[in-house]
Amino acid sequence: MKIDDEMIDYVSALAKLSLPDDEREKARQDLQSVLEYAQVLSEVDTGGVEPSSHVAEAVNVFREDEIMPSFDKREILKSAPRVKDGQYLVPKTVE
């Protein structure tokens, strides 16, 4: 596939870019280079490679949920400058 001016216009519109004339040729060359590299990759024999969704072998890193005792609410509220109805009282920040 060859990258022409129409394709540059299309891609730059998708990317919401305004390319000056002096950058259009560089963009064309860069896009052409990407396509050529993709062609090289498509020629690589991947017959014995298992499909994967991640490059590193990953296992579930999440821990099991455990019910644990929490802090005492009254002790926590002692650090608050102002308390109302068992909650921190702060100045209004949104109208």
N, C-alpha and C. Protein backbone atom coordinates (compact mmCIF):
# COMPACT_ATOMS: atom_id res chain seq x y z
N MET A 1 0.85 -1.18 0.00
CA MET A 1 0.00 0.00 0.00
C MET A 1 0.89 1.24 0.00
N LYS A 2 0.60 2.14 -0.90
CA LYS A 2 1.35 3.39 -0.97
C LYS A 2 0.56 4.49 -0.27
N ILE A 3 1.27 5.30 0.46
CA ILE A 3 0.67 6.44 1.15
C ILE A 3 0.69 7.62 0.18
N ASP A 4 -0.49 8.13 -0.15
CA ASP A 4 -0.57 9.29 -1.05
C ASP A 4 -1.12 10.50 -0.27
N ASP A 5 -1.27 11.61 -0.97
CA ASP A 5 -1.76 12.84 -0.32
C ASP A 5 -3.15 12.67 0.26
N GLU A 6 -3.98 11.91 -0.41
CA GLU A 6 -5.34 11.69 0.08
C GLU A 6 -5.31 10.94 1.42
N MET A 7 -4.42 9.95 1.52
CA MET A 7 -4.29 9.20 2.77
C MET A 7 -3.74 10.09 3.88
N ILE A 8 -2.78 10.95 3.57
CA ILE A 8 -2.24 11.88 4.55
C ILE A 8 -3.34 12.80 5.06
N ASP A 9 -4.18 13.31 4.15
CA ASP A 9 -5.30 14.17 4.53
C ASP A 9 -6.25 13.41 5.46
N TYR A 10 -6.55 12.16 5.10
CA TYR A 10 -7.49 11.35 5.87
C TYR A 10 -6.94 11.09 7.28
N VAL A 11 -5.70 10.64 7.37
CA VAL A 11 -5.11 10.31 8.67
C VAL A 11 -4.94 11.56 9.52
N SER A 12 -4.51 12.65 8.93
CA SER A 12 -4.34 13.88 9.71
C SER A 12 -5.69 14.40 10.20
N ALA A 13 -6.75 14.22 9.42
CA ALA A 13 -8.09 14.62 9.87
C ALA A 13 -8.53 13.74 11.03
N LEU A 14 -8.28 12.44 10.95
CA LEU A 14 -8.63 11.55 12.05
C LEU A 14 -7.90 11.92 13.33
N ALA A 15 -6.63 12.29 13.18
CA ALA A 15 -5.81 12.66 14.33
C ALA A 15 -6.00 14.11 14.74
N LYS A 16 -6.85 14.80 14.01
CA LYS A 16 -7.10 16.23 14.26
C LYS A 16 -5.80 17.03 14.24
N LEU A 17 -4.99 16.74 13.22
CA LEU A 17 -3.73 17.44 13.03
C LEU A 17 -3.81 18.33 11.80
N SER A 18 -3.16 19.43 11.87
CA SER A 18 -3.04 20.30 10.72
C SER A 18 -1.56 20.29 10.32
N LEU A 19 -1.27 19.56 9.25
CA LEU A 19 0.13 19.43 8.84
C LEU A 19 0.49 20.49 7.82
N PRO A 20 1.51 21.28 8.12
CA PRO A 20 2.00 22.22 7.12
C PRO A 20 2.62 21.45 5.96
N ASP A 21 2.70 22.09 4.81
CA ASP A 21 3.22 21.43 3.60
C ASP A 21 4.60 20.82 3.81
N ASP A 22 5.46 21.50 4.58
CA ASP A 22 6.82 20.98 4.76
C ASP A 22 6.86 19.74 5.65
N GLU A 23 5.80 19.44 6.41
CA GLU A 23 5.77 18.25 7.26
C GLU A 23 5.01 17.10 6.62
N ARG A 24 4.27 17.37 5.57
CA ARG A 24 3.47 16.32 4.92
C ARG A 24 4.34 15.21 4.34
N GLU A 25 5.44 15.57 3.71
CA GLU A 25 6.32 14.57 3.11
C GLU A 25 6.96 13.69 4.19
N LYS A 26 7.37 14.30 5.30
CA LYS A 26 7.95 13.53 6.42
C LYS A 26 6.89 12.59 6.99
N ALA A 27 5.66 13.06 7.15
CA ALA A 27 4.57 12.21 7.65
C ALA A 27 4.31 11.06 6.69
N ARG A 28 4.32 11.34 5.39
CA ARG A 28 4.11 10.29 4.40
C ARG A 28 5.18 9.22 4.50
N GLN A 29 6.45 9.65 4.62
CA GLN A 29 7.55 8.71 4.74
C GLN A 29 7.43 7.87 6.02
N ASP A 30 7.06 8.54 7.11
CA ASP A 30 6.91 7.83 8.39
C ASP A 30 5.80 6.78 8.31
N LEU A 31 4.66 7.15 7.75
CA LEU A 31 3.56 6.20 7.63
C LEU A 31 3.93 5.05 6.70
N GLN A 32 4.62 5.35 5.63
CA GLN A 32 5.06 4.31 4.70
C GLN A 32 6.01 3.36 5.42
N SER A 33 6.89 3.90 6.23
CA SER A 33 7.84 3.07 6.99
C SER A 33 7.10 2.15 7.97
N VAL A 34 6.07 2.65 8.62
CA VAL A 34 5.28 1.83 9.54
C VAL A 34 4.62 0.69 8.79
N LEU A 35 4.03 0.98 7.65
CA LEU A 35 3.37 -0.06 6.85
C LEU A 35 4.37 -1.11 6.36
N GLU A 36 5.56 -0.68 5.97
CA GLU A 36 6.58 -1.63 5.52
C GLU A 36 7.02 -2.54 6.67
N TYR A 37 7.14 -1.98 7.86
CA TYR A 37 7.51 -2.79 9.03
C TYR A 37 6.40 -3.77 9.37
N ALA A 38 5.15 -3.34 9.28
CA ALA A 38 4.02 -4.25 9.52
C ALA A 38 4.05 -5.39 8.53
N GLN A 39 4.43 -5.13 7.30
CA GLN A 39 4.54 -6.19 6.29
C GLN A 39 5.62 -7.19 6.67
N VAL A 40 6.75 -6.69 7.17
CA VAL A 40 7.83 -7.58 7.61
C VAL A 40 7.33 -8.46 8.75
N LEU A 41 6.61 -7.87 9.70
CA LEU A 41 6.09 -8.64 10.83
C LEU A 41 5.10 -9.70 10.39
N SER A 42 4.31 -9.39 9.37
CA SER A 42 3.31 -10.36 8.91
C SER A 42 3.97 -11.57 8.24
N GLU A 43 5.22 -11.45 7.85
CA GLU A 43 5.93 -12.55 7.21
C GLU A 43 6.63 -13.46 8.22
N VAL A 44 6.63 -13.09 9.49
CA VAL A 44 7.28 -13.90 10.52
C VAL A 44 6.45 -15.14 10.79
N ASP A 45 7.12 -16.30 10.87
CA ASP A 45 6.44 -17.55 11.15
C ASP A 45 6.09 -17.61 12.63
N THR A 46 4.79 -17.57 12.94
CA THR A 46 4.33 -17.64 14.32
C THR A 46 3.55 -18.93 14.57
N GLY A 47 3.80 -19.95 13.75
CA GLY A 47 3.06 -21.19 13.84
C GLY A 47 3.13 -21.87 15.19
N GLY A 48 4.28 -21.86 15.84
CA GLY A 48 4.43 -22.55 17.13
C GLY A 48 4.24 -21.65 18.33
N VAL A 49 3.76 -20.45 18.11
CA VAL A 49 3.63 -19.50 19.21
C VAL A 49 2.19 -19.52 19.73
N GLU A 50 2.05 -19.71 21.04
CA GLU A 50 0.73 -19.72 21.66
C GLU A 50 0.17 -18.29 21.68
N PRO A 51 -1.11 -18.15 21.36
CA PRO A 51 -1.73 -16.83 21.47
C PRO A 51 -1.72 -16.36 22.92
N SER A 52 -1.56 -15.08 23.12
CA SER A 52 -1.57 -14.54 24.48
C SER A 52 -2.17 -13.15 24.48
N SER A 53 -2.57 -12.72 25.65
CA SER A 53 -3.10 -11.37 25.77
C SER A 53 -2.12 -10.45 26.48
N HIS A 54 -0.99 -11.02 26.89
CA HIS A 54 0.00 -10.23 27.62
C HIS A 54 1.37 -10.79 27.31
N VAL A 55 2.37 -9.93 27.22
CA VAL A 55 3.71 -10.40 26.86
C VAL A 55 4.40 -11.16 28.00
N ALA A 56 4.03 -10.86 29.22
CA ALA A 56 4.61 -11.55 30.36
C ALA A 56 3.58 -12.53 30.93
N GLU A 57 4.07 -13.65 31.42
CA GLU A 57 3.15 -14.58 32.05
C GLU A 57 2.62 -13.93 33.32
N ALA A 58 1.34 -13.70 33.35
CA ALA A 58 0.73 -13.02 34.49
C ALA A 58 -0.25 -13.96 35.16
N VAL A 59 -0.27 -13.86 36.46
CA VAL A 59 -1.26 -14.59 37.24
C VAL A 59 -2.08 -13.57 38.00
N ASN A 60 -3.18 -14.01 38.53
CA ASN A 60 -4.03 -13.09 39.28
C ASN A 60 -3.26 -12.56 40.48
N VAL A 61 -3.02 -11.27 40.50
CA VAL A 61 -2.25 -10.67 41.58
C VAL A 61 -3.13 -10.11 42.68
N PHE A 62 -4.43 -10.27 42.54
CA PHE A 62 -5.33 -9.75 43.56
C PHE A 62 -5.39 -10.72 44.73
N ARG A 63 -5.50 -10.17 45.90
CA ARG A 63 -5.63 -11.00 47.09
C ARG A 63 -7.10 -11.26 47.36
N GLU A 64 -7.37 -12.26 48.14
CA GLU A 64 -8.74 -12.54 48.55
C GLU A 64 -9.20 -11.45 49.51
N ASP A 65 -10.47 -11.10 49.43
CA ASP A 65 -11.04 -10.13 50.37
C ASP A 65 -11.12 -10.79 51.75
N GLU A 66 -10.67 -10.06 52.73
CA GLU A 66 -10.74 -10.56 54.10
C GLU A 66 -11.41 -9.51 54.96
N ILE A 67 -12.31 -9.94 55.81
CA ILE A 67 -12.95 -9.02 56.74
C ILE A 67 -11.98 -8.79 57.88
N MET A 68 -11.64 -7.52 58.10
CA MET A 68 -10.69 -7.17 59.13
C MET A 68 -11.30 -6.07 59.99
N PRO A 69 -10.87 -5.99 61.23
CA PRO A 69 -11.41 -4.92 62.07
C PRO A 69 -10.99 -3.56 61.52
N SER A 70 -11.87 -2.60 61.64
CA SER A 70 -11.61 -1.25 61.16
C SER A 70 -11.22 -0.35 62.33
N PHE A 71 -10.87 0.87 62.01
CA PHE A 71 -10.56 1.84 63.05
C PHE A 71 -11.86 2.28 63.73
N ASP A 72 -11.74 2.68 64.96
CA ASP A 72 -12.90 3.17 65.69
C ASP A 72 -13.26 4.56 65.16
N LYS A 73 -14.51 4.73 64.77
CA LYS A 73 -14.97 5.98 64.16
C LYS A 73 -14.77 7.16 65.10
N ARG A 74 -15.06 6.98 66.37
CA ARG A 74 -14.90 8.10 67.32
C ARG A 74 -13.45 8.53 67.43
N GLU A 75 -12.52 7.55 67.39
CA GLU A 75 -11.10 7.89 67.47
C GLU A 75 -10.65 8.67 66.23
N ILE A 76 -11.15 8.28 65.08
CA ILE A 76 -10.77 8.97 63.84
C ILE A 76 -11.32 10.39 63.85
N LEU A 77 -12.56 10.55 64.28
CA LEU A 77 -13.17 11.88 64.26
C LEU A 77 -12.54 12.84 65.27
N LYS A 78 -11.77 12.33 66.21
CA LYS A 78 -11.08 13.21 67.16
C LYS A 78 -10.08 14.12 66.45
N SER A 79 -9.57 13.69 65.29
CA SER A 79 -8.59 14.50 64.57
C SER A 79 -9.24 15.57 63.71
N ALA A 80 -10.55 15.54 63.58
CA ALA A 80 -11.25 16.50 62.72
C ALA A 80 -11.40 17.83 63.44
N PRO A 81 -11.18 18.94 62.73
CA PRO A 81 -11.38 20.25 63.34
C PRO A 81 -12.85 20.48 63.71
N ARG A 82 -13.76 19.98 62.86
CA ARG A 82 -15.20 20.13 63.13
C ARG A 82 -15.92 18.85 62.71
N VAL A 83 -16.90 18.46 63.50
CA VAL A 83 -17.67 17.25 63.24
C VAL A 83 -19.14 17.58 63.36
N LYS A 84 -19.95 16.97 62.48
CA LYS A 84 -21.39 17.13 62.56
C LYS A 84 -22.03 15.80 62.19
N ASP A 85 -22.91 15.31 63.01
CA ASP A 85 -23.63 14.06 62.78
C ASP A 85 -22.68 12.89 62.48
N GLY A 86 -21.55 12.85 63.19
CA GLY A 86 -20.62 11.74 63.03
C GLY A 86 -19.80 11.80 61.75
N GLN A 87 -19.72 12.98 61.11
CA GLN A 87 -18.96 13.12 59.88
C GLN A 87 -18.07 14.36 59.96
N TYR A 88 -17.00 14.34 59.17
CA TYR A 88 -16.15 15.53 59.06
C TYR A 88 -16.99 16.68 58.51
N LEU A 89 -16.85 17.86 59.07
CA LEU A 89 -17.53 19.04 58.57
C LEU A 89 -16.48 19.92 57.91
N VAL A 90 -16.65 20.13 56.60
CA VAL A 90 -15.68 20.91 55.84
C VAL A 90 -16.39 22.07 55.15
N PRO A 91 -15.63 23.10 54.78
CA PRO A 91 -16.25 24.22 54.07
C PRO A 91 -16.79 23.77 52.72
N LYS A 92 -17.87 24.40 52.30
CA LYS A 92 -18.47 24.12 51.00
C LYS A 92 -17.50 24.58 49.91
N THR A 93 -17.25 23.70 48.94
CA THR A 93 -16.32 24.05 47.87
C THR A 93 -16.98 24.16 46.52
N VAL A 94 -18.22 23.68 46.39
CA VAL A 94 -18.92 23.72 45.11
C VAL A 94 -20.26 24.41 45.33
N GLU A 95 -20.57 25.34 44.45
CA GLU A 95 -21.85 26.04 44.55
C GLU A 95 -22.94 25.23 43.94
